[in-house]
Amino acid sequence: MKIDDVVKILTFLCAGSSILVVFLIFGYTLLEGLPFLAKYGLSFLTGLYWKPYADPPQFGLLPTIIGTLSVSG
């Protein structure tokens, strides 16, 4: 086995493990976020206020998203 073959195998293993880790992180985040999504739905993306201690709580990310896009874009 040549050194080129070893390098190709190692590169493939590193790339594959990186992709696997990204999918595992995505899956874990999705599974942990499902209770929140079931309770509040996707409307938190378009909400205007972030008041987690209000009754009922309000979770709005729209100002945060717009602020991030205006600063980084």
Protein backbone atom coordinates (compact mmCIF):
# COMPACT_ATOMS: atom_id res chain seq x y z
CA MET A 1 0.00 0.00 0.00
CA LYS A 2 1.41 3.35 -1.07
CA ILE A 3 1.47 6.45 1.06
CA ASP A 4 -0.99 8.04 -1.39
CA ASP A 5 -3.53 5.31 -0.65
CA VAL A 6 -3.09 5.77 3.09
CA VAL A 7 -3.58 9.53 2.76
CA LYS A 8 -6.73 9.02 0.64
CA ILE A 9 -8.19 6.63 3.21
CA LEU A 10 -7.37 8.95 6.11
CA THR A 11 -8.85 11.92 4.25
CA PHE A 12 -12.01 9.94 3.51
CA LEU A 13 -12.32 8.87 7.15
CA CYS A 14 -11.82 12.42 8.42
CA ALA A 15 -14.35 13.84 5.96
CA GLY A 16 -16.85 11.12 6.75
CA SER A 17 -16.51 11.56 10.49
CA SER A 18 -16.89 15.34 10.13
CA ILE A 19 -20.11 14.91 8.16
CA LEU A 20 -21.37 12.39 10.71
CA VAL A 21 -20.67 14.78 13.59
CA VAL A 22 -22.54 17.60 11.83
CA PHE A 23 -25.58 15.35 11.33
CA LEU A 24 -25.43 14.18 14.94
CA ILE A 25 -25.32 17.78 16.19
CA PHE A 26 -28.26 18.68 13.93
CA GLY A 27 -30.24 15.66 15.12
CA TYR A 28 -29.54 16.35 18.78
CA THR A 29 -30.53 20.00 18.41
CA LEU A 30 -33.73 19.02 16.61
CA LEU A 31 -34.67 16.40 19.21
CA GLU A 32 -34.00 18.75 22.11
CA GLY A 33 -35.91 21.57 20.39
CA LEU A 34 -39.03 19.55 19.57
CA PRO A 35 -40.74 20.21 22.92
CA PHE A 36 -40.27 23.96 22.42
CA LEU A 37 -41.56 23.77 18.85
CA ALA A 38 -44.54 21.68 19.95
CA LYS A 39 -45.44 24.24 22.61
CA TYR A 40 -44.81 27.52 20.74
CA GLY A 41 -44.68 26.54 17.05
CA LEU A 42 -42.64 28.35 14.44
CA SER A 43 -44.22 31.71 15.20
CA PHE A 44 -41.24 32.54 17.42
CA LEU A 45 -39.31 33.26 14.21
CA THR A 46 -41.64 36.10 13.28
CA GLY A 47 -42.48 37.38 16.76
CA LEU A 48 -41.47 40.92 17.65
CA TYR A 49 -40.87 40.57 21.39
CA TRP A 50 -38.60 38.46 23.57
CA LYS A 51 -40.33 38.21 26.95
CA PRO A 52 -39.68 34.75 28.36
CA TYR A 53 -40.99 35.70 31.83
CA ALA A 54 -44.26 37.24 30.64
CA ASP A 55 -47.57 35.47 31.15
CA PRO A 56 -47.87 33.94 28.57
CA PRO A 57 -44.22 33.94 27.49
CA GLN A 58 -43.37 35.53 24.15
CA PHE A 59 -40.46 34.43 22.02
CA GLY A 60 -39.74 36.55 18.98
CA LEU A 61 -36.54 36.32 16.98
CA LEU A 62 -37.41 38.67 14.12
CA PRO A 63 -35.64 41.74 15.60
CA THR A 64 -32.57 39.62 16.35
CA ILE A 65 -32.53 38.17 12.83
CA ILE A 66 -32.96 41.60 11.21
CA GLY A 67 -30.26 43.10 13.45
CA THR A 68 -27.84 40.31 12.61
CA LEU A 69 -28.47 40.66 8.88
CA SER A 70 -28.09 44.45 8.96
CA VAL A 71 -24.80 44.30 10.84
CA SER A 72 -23.24 41.40 8.94
CA GLY A 73 -24.73 42.03 5.52
